[in-house]
Amino acid sequence: MKTVNDPEHEGAGPAITPRTRARARHILDHYYIGPARDDRVLEIWGYTDRYTYRPGDTVDLRVSTTAPNWSLEVGRDGVNYAPVMHVADLPGLHQDTPEHCSVYGCDWEVSHSFTIPDDWTAGAYLITLRAERQGDAVEEHHLIFVRRAAQAEPAAMVLVCATGTWLAYNCWGGSSAYEGITGPERNAFSPILSNQRPWTRGFCKLPAGAPRALTEKPTDPEGMVRYAYMEWAYAYGYSKKYASAGWASYERHFARWAEAEGYEFEIVTQHDLELEPDLLTGHRCAVFVGHDEYWTATMRDRVERFTEGGGRVARFAGNFLWQTRLEDQAQTQICYKYTAKDADPFMGSDEKHLVTGAWDAPPVNRPGAQTFGVNGLKGIYAGLGNCVGQGSGGFTVYRPDHWAMKGVRLGYGDQLGAESKVFGYEVDGVDFCFDDGLPFPTGKDGTDKSVEIIALGMATNVEADFSHWGETLYIGSADAEFKALILFGERKEEALDKSSRGNGAIVSWKSGDGEVFCAGTCEWVAGLARRDTQVETITRNVLNRFCR
């Protein structure tokens, strides 16, 4: 991997921004955001030591900038953005960044600290770092943190942010759980990732009009496949992973909608769920939204204990796929993913059930349906590229009389969320069969047979190839090959065929003394952001039932 500034230097390259994009030598399949390592380039980056804070806690900001001075603004990112603090003329320091900062952290010095006051309203807070140098443009970097609620009585609802997935997709510094500069040839993803580094560009704040992962219109079968969000990201200097994870693309849309609707709720993170055994105690409903692909066993244990004890879980999210482990006081995330069978040191040990592979597969053998009623490997892609690229973008309704559908005004066979594109880009499904026109879980995939399937859509693990000259497919067939190998032990034609098809499901389920509602799709929040009245009505029905 070559840097822009010095083609002979090996190491993590600079940020891909409009300033550097024209000089970038990274191939489009893996470009990333990171430090320029050049005093001549105006830049500012920073990170907080934690994801959440309570009143009285100190926020330590670690900032590196090439500007002589920098400033910061803190604002609550609710229905309306409300600034609460400004600090100007802070002395700049260009801090050394280790080559493998994605893996081991940046280890920067604290640049500025502030204390969370009692009068800041609980919620998510955006930190904007600004650097300006004479004769140069203004550079900004954005961070997000959660101000935890301090009230003695927990709110009825708690929104749990998918920080495990945020961390896995964060490409800042060179490596993520997808691509990277690790390995003997410096081209491999990293199974070890640190949260002691900045968020990549687009995770915390996005401009209006930034494309979502799903296109507004079905793909053109006569034209070359397009991935609009990646094209936009490259053109404007954002991470190509911005549409896959982060506050700005997912949790923010739900939080702003729910706050505008008048719901009282607390915001926490998956890391809090890992570190605090009684985090969900006292809440009536736990909510998960967007893309929550990465979980630890402990996180799952606590959600299951919550529902078994009478708690309600509303999951408007998709792609429940990988088990992770957290180490170093939850500052390091481990996930060997596709290489777990050969590389994870827990393989073959007494703790092989904690191997960081797919939930549905050996040796973990803990289907996601045991927690949420749906499974990651029964779903996957819809509406992304040529993966069901000409689908409706919505669910087909099969049980319009279910309580969650009250007032929605959809009948059997109607489409839910097609106009607002809620189905995709990754979805979770169930193994089902039809009886008299209604879907029922078979139970073969670990799904409880009492699960009610309300709606379904089709998904795939193989991107259709229409053999257009010059076309390069993003998804291809690699995921189907992996699924065939771990579930059937081979990549032969029959196993690949079985691994190519999936679905996304909306399900309802009585779990222990509690209850679960799951719309197994990443893009449910698009229906809220686009004010799809039918998607909003279902969301209200679920929250009103679960929070009362």
Protein backbone atom coordinates (compact mmCIF):
# COMPACT_ATOMS: atom_id res chain seq x y z
CA MET A 1 0.00 0.00 0.00
CA LYS A 2 1.50 3.31 -1.05
CA THR A 3 0.86 6.72 0.40
CA VAL A 4 -0.05 9.69 -1.75
CA ASN A 5 2.79 11.87 -0.53
CA ASP A 6 5.63 9.39 -0.81
CA PRO A 7 5.13 6.52 -3.26
CA GLU A 8 8.11 4.66 -1.82
CA HIS A 9 6.89 4.71 1.78
CA GLU A 10 5.00 1.70 3.11
CA GLY A 11 2.32 2.46 5.65
CA ALA A 12 -1.18 3.65 6.24
CA GLY A 13 -2.08 6.24 3.63
CA PRO A 14 -3.74 9.61 3.93
CA ALA A 15 -7.38 10.51 4.01
CA ILE A 16 -9.19 10.30 0.70
CA THR A 17 -10.66 13.78 0.55
CA PRO A 18 -11.34 16.14 -2.35
CA ARG A 19 -7.88 17.57 -1.63
CA THR A 20 -6.05 14.26 -1.99
CA ARG A 21 -8.42 12.19 -4.11
CA ALA A 22 -6.84 13.17 -7.44
CA ARG A 23 -3.45 11.90 -6.23
CA ALA A 24 -4.72 8.68 -4.65
CA ARG A 25 -3.18 5.43 -5.79
CA HIS A 26 -5.47 3.19 -3.78
CA ILE A 27 -7.74 0.94 -5.78
CA LEU A 28 -11.43 1.60 -5.28
CA ASP A 29 -11.95 -1.75 -3.59
CA HIS A 30 -9.97 -0.51 -0.60
CA TYR A 31 -9.44 3.13 0.09
CA TYR A 32 -9.61 4.42 3.60
CA ILE A 33 -9.52 7.51 5.75
CA GLY A 34 -6.44 8.30 7.80
CA PRO A 35 -3.67 10.75 8.65
CA ALA A 36 -1.60 12.33 5.90
CA ARG A 37 1.56 12.18 8.03
CA ASP A 38 2.58 15.42 6.37
CA ASP A 39 2.72 18.80 8.13
CA ARG A 40 1.93 20.54 4.86
CA VAL A 41 -1.56 19.01 4.72
CA LEU A 42 -4.15 20.79 6.86
CA GLU A 43 -6.01 18.19 8.90
CA ILE A 44 -7.61 17.54 12.27
CA TRP A 45 -8.59 14.21 13.81
CA GLY A 46 -9.65 13.20 17.30
CA TYR A 47 -11.29 10.58 19.50
CA THR A 48 -12.76 10.27 22.98
CA ASP A 49 -11.60 7.75 25.53
CA ARG A 50 -15.12 6.28 25.91
CA TYR A 51 -18.44 6.14 24.07
CA THR A 52 -20.71 7.20 26.96
CA TYR A 53 -20.52 9.52 29.98
CA ARG A 54 -22.64 10.51 32.95
CA PRO A 55 -22.91 13.95 34.59
CA GLY A 56 -19.67 14.68 36.41
CA ASP A 57 -17.58 12.46 34.15
CA THR A 58 -14.56 13.91 32.37
CA VAL A 59 -14.32 13.68 28.59
CA ASP A 60 -10.69 13.40 27.47
CA LEU A 61 -10.23 14.51 23.87
CA ARG A 62 -7.15 13.26 22.02
CA VAL A 63 -6.63 15.45 18.98
CA SER A 64 -3.98 15.62 16.27
CA THR A 65 -3.88 18.60 13.91
CA THR A 66 -1.43 20.34 11.64
CA ALA A 67 -3.02 23.73 12.41
CA PRO A 68 -1.43 25.97 15.06
CA ASN A 69 -4.81 26.34 16.77
CA TRP A 70 -8.12 24.53 16.73
CA SER A 71 -11.61 24.87 18.19
CA LEU A 72 -14.43 22.62 19.21
CA GLU A 73 -18.19 22.76 19.45
CA VAL A 74 -20.42 20.32 21.36
CA GLY A 75 -24.10 20.04 20.53
CA ARG A 76 -26.98 17.73 21.35
CA ASP A 77 -27.96 15.87 18.18
CA GLY A 78 -31.70 15.49 18.77
CA VAL A 79 -34.74 16.55 16.76
CA ASN A 80 -32.92 19.85 16.38
CA TYR A 81 -29.18 20.23 16.76
CA ALA A 82 -28.55 22.39 19.85
CA PRO A 83 -25.01 23.68 20.60
CA VAL A 84 -24.13 23.61 24.30
CA MET A 85 -20.41 24.43 24.39
CA HIS A 86 -17.79 26.28 22.33
CA VAL A 87 -14.05 26.37 22.99
CA ALA A 88 -11.72 28.35 20.70
CA ASP A 89 -7.97 28.92 20.24
CA LEU A 90 -6.80 25.59 21.60
CA PRO A 91 -3.11 24.91 20.85
CA GLY A 92 -2.59 22.47 18.00
CA LEU A 93 -0.30 19.45 18.13
CA HIS A 94 0.45 17.11 15.24
CA GLN A 95 0.74 13.79 17.04
CA ASP A 96 2.56 10.73 15.74
CA THR A 97 0.21 8.01 14.53
CA PRO A 98 1.38 4.38 14.72
CA GLU A 99 1.29 2.51 11.45
CA HIS A 100 -1.18 -0.07 12.76
CA CYS A 101 -3.32 2.34 14.75
CA SER A 102 -6.47 0.54 13.55
CA VAL A 103 -5.35 -2.53 15.44
CA TYR A 104 -3.58 -1.14 18.50
CA GLY A 105 -4.94 2.39 18.83
CA CYS A 106 -3.38 5.79 18.25
CA ASP A 107 -1.98 6.31 21.77
CA TRP A 108 -2.28 10.10 21.45
CA GLU A 109 -1.87 12.49 24.36
CA VAL A 110 -4.93 14.19 25.85
CA SER A 111 -5.38 17.55 24.09
CA HIS A 112 -8.36 18.95 25.97
CA SER A 113 -10.76 17.81 28.70
CA PHE A 114 -14.18 18.93 29.84
CA THR A 115 -16.69 17.76 32.43
CA ILE A 116 -20.25 16.73 31.61
CA PRO A 117 -22.51 19.20 33.47
CA ASP A 118 -25.69 18.18 35.25
CA ASP A 119 -27.90 20.37 33.08
CA TRP A 120 -27.08 18.74 29.74
CA THR A 121 -30.11 16.74 28.60
CA ALA A 122 -29.49 13.02 28.17
CA GLY A 123 -28.95 11.96 24.56
CA ALA A 124 -26.37 11.84 21.77
CA TYR A 125 -23.86 14.68 21.46
CA LEU A 126 -21.89 15.65 18.38
CA ILE A 127 -18.39 17.08 18.80
CA THR A 128 -17.15 19.16 15.88
CA LEU A 129 -13.38 19.76 15.73
CA ARG A 130 -12.33 22.63 13.44
CA ALA A 131 -8.88 23.56 12.16
CA GLU A 132 -8.06 26.56 10.00
CA ARG A 133 -4.79 27.75 8.59
CA GLN A 134 -4.06 31.00 6.76
CA GLY A 135 -4.51 30.55 3.04
CA ASP A 136 -6.07 27.13 3.43
CA ALA A 137 -9.57 25.75 3.82
CA VAL A 138 -11.29 24.91 7.08
CA GLU A 139 -11.10 21.23 8.02
CA GLU A 140 -13.62 19.52 10.31
CA HIS A 141 -13.79 16.19 12.07
CA HIS A 142 -16.79 14.84 13.97
CA LEU A 143 -17.15 12.62 17.01
CA ILE A 144 -20.22 11.31 18.79
CA PHE A 145 -20.74 10.43 22.45
CA VAL A 146 -23.75 9.58 24.59
CA ARG A 147 -24.66 11.52 27.72
CA ARG A 148 -26.25 8.83 29.85
CA ALA A 149 -29.43 9.46 31.78
CA ALA A 150 -29.03 10.06 35.51
CA GLN A 151 -32.62 9.69 36.70
CA ALA A 152 -33.35 7.15 39.41
CA GLU A 153 -36.32 5.76 37.46
CA PRO A 154 -35.17 4.30 34.13
CA ALA A 155 -37.07 5.42 31.04
CA ALA A 156 -39.53 2.90 29.66
CA MET A 157 -37.45 2.55 26.51
CA VAL A 158 -33.72 2.21 25.95
CA LEU A 159 -32.07 2.53 22.52
CA VAL A 160 -28.90 0.45 22.27
CA CYS A 161 -26.46 1.78 19.65
CA ALA A 162 -24.66 -0.88 17.58
CA THR A 163 -21.13 0.20 18.49
CA GLY A 164 -19.79 -3.31 17.76
CA THR A 165 -20.74 -2.82 14.12
CA TRP A 166 -19.56 0.80 14.08
CA LEU A 167 -16.16 -0.40 15.21
CA ALA A 168 -16.00 -3.27 12.71
CA TYR A 169 -16.68 -0.93 9.76
CA ASN A 170 -14.46 1.92 10.94
CA CYS A 171 -11.69 2.12 8.33
CA TRP A 172 -9.80 5.03 9.91
CA GLY A 173 -6.08 4.33 9.85
CA GLY A 174 -6.13 1.58 7.23
CA SER A 175 -7.85 -1.55 8.52
CA SER A 176 -11.40 -2.63 9.32
CA ALA A 177 -13.14 -6.00 9.62
CA TYR A 178 -13.44 -5.97 5.81
CA GLU A 179 -10.25 -4.67 4.20
CA GLY A 180 -6.94 -3.51 5.53
CA ILE A 181 -3.19 -3.20 5.50
CA THR A 182 -2.46 -6.12 7.83
CA GLY A 183 -1.09 -9.57 7.02
CA PRO A 184 2.14 -10.65 5.30
CA GLU A 185 1.15 -8.93 2.05
CA ARG A 186 -0.39 -5.93 3.81
CA ASN A 187 -3.76 -6.41 2.14
CA ALA A 188 -5.85 -8.27 4.74
CA PHE A 189 -8.68 -7.29 7.04
CA SER A 190 -7.81 -7.12 10.72
CA PRO A 191 -9.46 -9.52 13.21
CA ILE A 192 -8.29 -7.18 15.99
CA LEU A 193 -9.59 -3.60 16.05
CA SER A 194 -9.13 -0.78 18.54
CA ASN A 195 -11.67 1.88 19.45
CA GLN A 196 -8.88 4.24 20.51
CA ARG A 197 -8.82 6.05 17.17
CA PRO A 198 -11.01 8.54 15.28
CA TRP A 199 -14.25 7.56 13.59
CA THR A 200 -13.99 7.47 9.82
CA ARG A 201 -15.57 10.26 7.82
CA GLY A 202 -19.37 9.98 7.63
CA PHE A 203 -20.05 7.87 10.72
CA CYS A 204 -21.02 10.76 12.99
CA LYS A 205 -22.32 13.42 10.58
CA LEU A 206 -23.51 13.37 6.99
CA PRO A 207 -24.67 16.12 4.64
CA ALA A 208 -28.28 16.16 3.51
CA GLY A 209 -28.73 14.02 0.42
CA ALA A 210 -25.99 11.49 1.13
CA PRO A 211 -27.22 8.32 -0.64
CA ARG A 212 -28.30 5.32 1.39
CA ALA A 213 -27.08 1.83 0.53
CA LEU A 214 -30.27 1.09 -1.44
CA THR A 215 -30.86 2.97 -4.66
CA GLU A 216 -34.08 4.91 -5.19
CA LYS A 217 -34.91 2.93 -8.33
CA PRO A 218 -34.40 -0.76 -9.24
CA THR A 219 -31.24 -1.55 -11.18
CA ASP A 220 -31.38 -1.36 -14.96
CA PRO A 221 -30.97 -4.87 -16.41
CA GLU A 222 -29.63 -3.34 -19.63
CA GLY A 223 -27.00 -1.22 -17.93
CA MET A 224 -23.93 -1.67 -15.78
CA VAL A 225 -24.57 -2.25 -12.08
CA ARG A 226 -24.06 0.86 -9.93
CA TYR A 227 -23.33 1.36 -6.23
CA ALA A 228 -24.38 4.98 -5.84
CA TYR A 229 -23.35 5.42 -2.21
CA MET A 230 -19.77 4.28 -2.88
CA GLU A 231 -19.50 6.53 -5.91
CA TRP A 232 -20.74 9.46 -3.81
CA ALA A 233 -18.33 8.61 -0.99
CA TYR A 234 -15.33 8.52 -3.28
CA ALA A 235 -16.36 11.75 -5.03
CA TYR A 236 -16.73 13.70 -1.78
CA GLY A 237 -14.03 12.13 0.37
CA TYR A 238 -16.15 10.04 2.73
CA SER A 239 -15.55 6.48 3.80
CA LYS A 240 -17.29 4.00 1.52
CA LYS A 241 -18.50 2.31 4.73
CA TYR A 242 -20.53 5.36 5.84
CA ALA A 243 -23.79 3.78 4.56
CA SER A 244 -23.06 0.51 6.38
CA ALA A 245 -22.60 1.68 9.96
CA GLY A 246 -22.51 4.62 12.31
CA TRP A 247 -24.73 7.04 14.17
CA ALA A 248 -25.38 9.28 11.16
CA SER A 249 -26.83 6.57 8.90
CA TYR A 250 -28.87 4.57 11.41
CA GLU A 251 -29.46 5.29 15.11
CA ARG A 252 -29.75 9.04 14.54
CA HIS A 253 -32.81 8.63 12.31
CA PHE A 254 -34.63 6.53 14.89
CA ALA A 255 -33.65 8.75 17.82
CA ARG A 256 -34.83 11.93 16.11
CA TRP A 257 -38.10 10.30 15.00
CA ALA A 258 -38.84 8.85 18.45
CA GLU A 259 -38.03 12.13 20.20
CA ALA A 260 -40.32 14.04 17.82
CA GLU A 261 -43.05 11.49 18.54
CA GLY A 262 -42.80 12.23 22.25
CA TYR A 263 -41.28 8.93 23.44
CA GLU A 264 -39.07 9.12 26.51
CA PHE A 265 -36.00 6.97 26.14
CA GLU A 266 -32.41 6.57 27.17
CA ILE A 267 -29.55 6.00 24.72
CA VAL A 268 -26.77 3.53 25.56
CA THR A 269 -24.32 1.45 23.54
CA GLN A 270 -23.54 -2.22 23.07
CA HIS A 271 -20.33 -1.55 24.97
CA ASP A 272 -22.43 -0.45 27.96
CA LEU A 273 -24.45 -3.65 27.58
CA GLU A 274 -21.21 -5.62 27.78
CA LEU A 275 -19.82 -3.78 30.80
CA GLU A 276 -22.97 -3.31 32.91
CA PRO A 277 -24.77 -6.54 33.88
CA ASP A 278 -27.96 -4.77 34.98
CA LEU A 279 -28.11 -2.21 32.18
CA LEU A 280 -31.58 -3.28 30.98
CA THR A 281 -33.08 -3.66 34.46
CA GLY A 282 -35.99 -1.30 35.02
CA HIS A 283 -36.59 -0.63 31.33
CA ARG A 284 -39.70 -2.07 29.72
CA CYS A 285 -38.45 -2.11 26.15
CA ALA A 286 -35.00 -2.41 24.58
CA VAL A 287 -34.69 -1.15 21.00
CA PHE A 288 -32.07 -2.05 18.38
CA VAL A 289 -32.07 -0.36 14.97
CA GLY A 290 -30.15 -0.28 11.72
CA HIS A 291 -27.15 -2.54 11.24
CA ASP A 292 -26.20 -4.62 14.30
CA GLU A 293 -24.02 -7.27 12.71
CA TYR A 294 -21.48 -7.78 15.54
CA TRP A 295 -22.34 -8.95 19.09
CA THR A 296 -20.58 -10.63 21.99
CA ALA A 297 -22.04 -13.63 23.79
CA THR A 298 -22.41 -11.50 26.91
CA MET A 299 -24.54 -8.94 25.08
CA ARG A 300 -26.83 -11.71 23.84
CA ASP A 301 -27.02 -13.30 27.29
CA ARG A 302 -28.25 -10.04 28.79
CA VAL A 303 -30.90 -9.47 26.12
CA GLU A 304 -32.18 -13.03 26.53
CA ARG A 305 -32.26 -12.69 30.32
CA PHE A 306 -34.23 -9.46 29.86
CA THR A 307 -36.91 -11.05 27.68
CA GLU A 308 -37.14 -14.21 29.75
CA GLY A 309 -37.81 -12.02 32.77
CA GLY A 310 -40.65 -10.13 31.07
CA GLY A 311 -38.83 -7.45 29.07
CA ARG A 312 -39.83 -6.50 25.56
CA VAL A 313 -37.38 -6.24 22.66
CA ALA A 314 -38.08 -4.25 19.50
CA ARG A 315 -35.47 -4.87 16.84
CA PHE A 316 -35.72 -2.87 13.63
CA ALA A 317 -32.35 -4.07 12.35
CA GLY A 318 -30.65 -6.59 10.11
CA ASN A 319 -27.60 -8.79 9.58
CA PHE A 320 -27.21 -10.49 12.97
CA LEU A 321 -24.18 -12.53 11.94
CA TRP A 322 -20.88 -12.50 13.88
CA GLN A 323 -19.86 -13.32 17.44
CA THR A 324 -17.13 -11.04 18.79
CA ARG A 325 -15.05 -10.78 21.95
CA LEU A 326 -14.08 -7.57 23.74
CA GLU A 327 -10.77 -7.19 25.57
CA ASP A 328 -8.77 -4.44 27.34
CA GLN A 329 -11.79 -3.02 29.19
CA ALA A 330 -13.77 -3.25 25.94
CA GLN A 331 -11.27 -1.09 24.00
CA THR A 332 -10.32 -3.95 21.65
CA GLN A 333 -12.75 -6.00 19.54
CA ILE A 334 -11.84 -9.46 18.25
CA CYS A 335 -13.56 -11.11 15.28
CA TYR A 336 -11.77 -13.60 13.04
CA LYS A 337 -14.87 -14.04 10.86
CA TYR A 338 -14.10 -16.09 7.73
CA THR A 339 -10.75 -17.23 9.14
CA ALA A 340 -12.04 -18.23 12.60
CA LYS A 341 -11.75 -21.98 12.03
CA ASP A 342 -8.03 -21.70 11.30
CA ALA A 343 -6.93 -18.57 13.16
CA ASP A 344 -9.01 -17.99 16.29
CA PRO A 345 -6.98 -19.20 19.31
CA PHE A 346 -10.21 -20.28 21.05
CA MET A 347 -10.74 -22.96 18.39
CA GLY A 348 -10.28 -26.40 19.95
CA SER A 349 -10.25 -25.01 23.49
CA ASP A 350 -12.76 -25.39 26.31
CA GLU A 351 -14.16 -22.04 25.19
CA LYS A 352 -14.69 -22.94 21.55
CA HIS A 353 -18.30 -21.73 21.86
CA LEU A 354 -16.77 -18.22 22.01
CA VAL A 355 -14.96 -18.56 18.69
CA THR A 356 -15.52 -15.39 16.70
CA GLY A 357 -17.28 -16.86 13.68
CA ALA A 358 -20.87 -16.94 12.46
CA TRP A 359 -23.52 -17.52 15.12
CA ASP A 360 -25.34 -20.15 13.05
CA ALA A 361 -22.28 -22.31 12.35
CA PRO A 362 -20.01 -24.70 14.28
CA PRO A 363 -18.42 -24.47 16.75
CA VAL A 364 -20.60 -21.59 18.01
CA ASN A 365 -23.94 -23.21 17.12
CA ARG A 366 -26.05 -20.47 18.65
CA PRO A 367 -28.57 -19.33 16.00
CA GLY A 368 -29.60 -15.68 16.22
CA ALA A 369 -33.22 -16.83 16.22
CA GLN A 370 -32.79 -17.87 19.85
CA THR A 371 -32.53 -14.17 20.70
CA PHE A 372 -34.48 -12.35 17.98
CA GLY A 373 -36.50 -14.96 16.09
CA VAL A 374 -34.46 -14.58 12.87
CA ASN A 375 -31.04 -15.70 11.62
CA GLY A 376 -28.30 -13.83 9.79
CA LEU A 377 -27.31 -16.63 7.42
CA LYS A 378 -30.94 -17.16 6.39
CA GLY A 379 -30.97 -13.69 4.89
CA ILE A 380 -28.21 -11.31 3.72
CA TYR A 381 -28.48 -9.12 0.58
CA ALA A 382 -31.45 -7.35 -0.95
CA GLY A 383 -31.46 -4.25 -3.13
CA LEU A 384 -27.67 -3.91 -3.18
CA GLY A 385 -26.25 -3.96 -6.68
CA ASN A 386 -27.62 -6.98 -8.53
CA CYS A 387 -28.64 -8.75 -5.32
CA VAL A 388 -32.42 -8.66 -5.78
CA GLY A 389 -31.61 -5.43 -7.56
CA GLN A 390 -34.97 -5.32 -9.31
CA GLY A 391 -37.02 -6.19 -6.23
CA SER A 392 -39.76 -3.99 -4.80
CA GLY A 393 -37.70 -2.69 -1.88
CA GLY A 394 -40.44 -3.76 0.52
CA PHE A 395 -41.90 -6.71 2.41
CA THR A 396 -44.84 -8.82 1.23
CA VAL A 397 -47.49 -8.92 3.99
CA TYR A 398 -48.89 -12.34 4.96
CA ARG A 399 -50.56 -11.66 8.31
CA PRO A 400 -52.29 -8.27 8.00
CA ASP A 401 -54.42 -8.95 11.11
CA HIS A 402 -51.43 -9.13 13.46
CA TRP A 403 -51.53 -6.54 16.27
CA ALA A 404 -48.48 -4.75 14.84
CA MET A 405 -50.40 -4.13 11.59
CA LYS A 406 -53.37 -2.38 13.19
CA GLY A 407 -54.23 0.80 11.28
CA VAL A 408 -51.61 0.14 8.59
CA ARG A 409 -54.24 -0.55 5.92
CA LEU A 410 -52.40 -3.29 4.11
CA GLY A 411 -53.95 -6.59 3.07
CA TYR A 412 -52.61 -10.03 2.33
CA GLY A 413 -50.00 -9.84 -0.41
CA ASP A 414 -49.59 -6.06 -0.25
CA GLN A 415 -46.19 -4.40 -0.16
CA LEU A 416 -44.90 -2.71 3.00
CA GLY A 417 -42.21 -0.05 2.69
CA ALA A 418 -41.53 -0.45 -1.03
CA GLU A 419 -41.69 3.28 -1.74
CA SER A 420 -39.39 4.20 1.13
CA LYS A 421 -37.06 1.23 0.45
CA VAL A 422 -37.00 -0.41 3.85
CA PHE A 423 -36.08 -3.92 2.69
CA GLY A 424 -32.27 -4.32 2.55
CA TYR A 425 -29.45 -3.79 2.21
CA GLU A 426 -28.85 -6.78 4.50
CA VAL A 427 -31.68 -8.72 6.05
CA ASP A 428 -32.28 -11.59 8.49
CA GLY A 429 -34.62 -14.48 7.73
CA VAL A 430 -36.08 -17.81 8.81
CA ASP A 431 -36.36 -21.28 7.37
CA PHE A 432 -40.07 -21.49 6.52
CA CYS A 433 -42.67 -23.45 4.63
CA PHE A 434 -46.04 -22.44 3.24
CA ASP A 435 -49.32 -23.95 4.37
CA ASP A 436 -52.48 -22.67 2.71
CA GLY A 437 -50.72 -19.49 1.63
CA LEU A 438 -49.21 -18.66 5.03
CA PRO A 439 -45.53 -18.97 6.04
CA PHE A 440 -44.58 -20.95 9.15
CA PRO A 441 -41.10 -21.55 10.60
CA THR A 442 -39.83 -25.10 10.12
CA GLY A 443 -37.59 -24.92 13.18
CA LYS A 444 -34.68 -26.43 11.22
CA ASP A 445 -32.59 -23.29 11.73
CA GLY A 446 -33.25 -22.99 15.47
CA THR A 447 -36.27 -20.70 15.09
CA ASP A 448 -38.98 -21.43 17.66
CA LYS A 449 -42.07 -22.79 15.92
CA SER A 450 -44.23 -20.33 17.87
CA VAL A 451 -42.65 -17.43 15.95
CA GLU A 452 -45.28 -15.64 13.82
CA ILE A 453 -44.06 -14.58 10.39
CA ILE A 454 -45.87 -11.34 9.57
CA ALA A 455 -44.13 -10.42 6.32
CA LEU A 456 -41.35 -11.67 4.05
CA GLY A 457 -39.06 -10.56 1.26
CA MET A 458 -36.53 -12.44 -0.85
CA ALA A 459 -32.76 -12.11 -0.44
CA THR A 460 -29.69 -13.70 -1.96
CA ASN A 461 -26.03 -14.42 -1.32
CA VAL A 462 -25.13 -14.44 -5.02
CA GLU A 463 -25.12 -11.25 -7.07
CA ALA A 464 -26.72 -11.77 -10.47
CA ASP A 465 -24.21 -11.49 -13.30
CA PHE A 466 -25.68 -10.23 -16.57
CA SER A 467 -22.25 -10.28 -18.27
CA HIS A 468 -22.05 -6.61 -19.15
CA TRP A 469 -18.72 -5.75 -20.69
CA GLY A 470 -16.45 -3.95 -18.20
CA GLU A 471 -18.68 -4.64 -15.21
CA THR A 472 -17.22 -5.53 -11.82
CA LEU A 473 -19.58 -7.01 -9.23
CA TYR A 474 -19.15 -5.92 -5.61
CA ILE A 475 -20.82 -8.87 -3.85
CA GLY A 476 -20.32 -11.65 -6.40
CA SER A 477 -20.60 -15.17 -4.94
CA ALA A 478 -18.02 -15.13 -2.13
CA ASP A 479 -20.62 -15.06 0.66
CA ALA A 480 -22.47 -18.05 -0.76
CA GLU A 481 -19.19 -19.95 -0.95
CA PHE A 482 -18.42 -19.15 2.69
CA LYS A 483 -21.94 -20.17 3.78
CA ALA A 484 -21.68 -23.44 1.84
CA LEU A 485 -18.34 -24.25 3.43
CA ILE A 486 -19.31 -23.62 7.06
CA LEU A 487 -22.83 -25.10 6.88
CA PHE A 488 -22.31 -27.97 4.43
CA GLY A 489 -18.55 -28.49 4.56
CA GLU A 490 -18.03 -28.02 0.84
CA ARG A 491 -18.32 -25.62 -2.07
CA LYS A 492 -19.82 -28.08 -4.53
CA GLU A 493 -22.70 -27.06 -6.80
CA GLU A 494 -25.49 -28.45 -4.60
CA ALA A 495 -24.16 -26.77 -1.46
CA LEU A 496 -23.67 -23.48 -3.31
CA ASP A 497 -27.21 -23.65 -4.63
CA LYS A 498 -28.61 -24.17 -1.13
CA SER A 499 -26.50 -21.27 0.11
CA SER A 500 -27.53 -18.82 -2.57
CA ARG A 501 -31.09 -18.06 -1.44
CA GLY A 502 -32.32 -16.22 1.64
CA ASN A 503 -35.11 -14.04 2.93
CA GLY A 504 -35.85 -11.19 5.26
CA ALA A 505 -38.67 -11.52 7.76
CA ILE A 506 -40.81 -9.47 10.12
CA VAL A 507 -41.62 -11.71 13.07
CA SER A 508 -43.32 -11.61 16.46
CA TRP A 509 -42.56 -13.98 19.29
CA LYS A 510 -43.36 -14.61 22.95
CA SER A 511 -40.00 -15.33 24.56
CA GLY A 512 -40.13 -16.48 28.17
CA ASP A 513 -42.26 -13.97 30.06
CA GLY A 514 -41.34 -11.28 27.54
CA GLU A 515 -41.93 -10.56 23.90
CA VAL A 516 -39.88 -9.87 20.77
CA PHE A 517 -40.80 -7.99 17.62
CA CYS A 518 -38.19 -8.05 14.87
CA ALA A 519 -38.21 -6.38 11.48
CA GLY A 520 -35.08 -8.07 10.16
CA THR A 521 -33.75 -5.35 7.86
CA CYS A 522 -31.04 -2.70 8.10
CA GLU A 523 -33.11 -0.06 6.31
CA TRP A 524 -36.24 0.18 8.49
CA VAL A 525 -35.04 3.60 9.62
CA ALA A 526 -35.27 4.80 6.00
CA GLY A 527 -39.04 4.46 6.34
CA LEU A 528 -38.97 6.68 9.43
CA ALA A 529 -36.64 9.26 7.86
CA ARG A 530 -38.79 9.38 4.72
CA ARG A 531 -42.03 9.56 6.73
CA ASP A 532 -43.56 6.39 5.34
CA THR A 533 -46.85 6.44 7.27
CA GLN A 534 -47.26 2.66 7.22
CA VAL A 535 -43.75 2.04 8.55
CA GLU A 536 -44.34 4.73 11.19
CA THR A 537 -47.66 3.17 12.24
CA ILE A 538 -46.09 -0.25 12.79
CA THR A 539 -43.25 1.33 14.76
CA ARG A 540 -45.75 3.17 16.98
CA ASN A 541 -47.82 0.02 17.47
CA VAL A 542 -44.75 -1.89 18.66
CA LEU A 543 -43.38 0.84 20.93
CA ASN A 544 -46.77 1.67 22.44
CA ARG A 545 -47.42 -2.00 23.25
CA PHE A 546 -43.91 -2.66 24.57
CA CYS A 547 -43.42 0.56 26.56
CA ARG A 548 -46.74 0.77 28.35
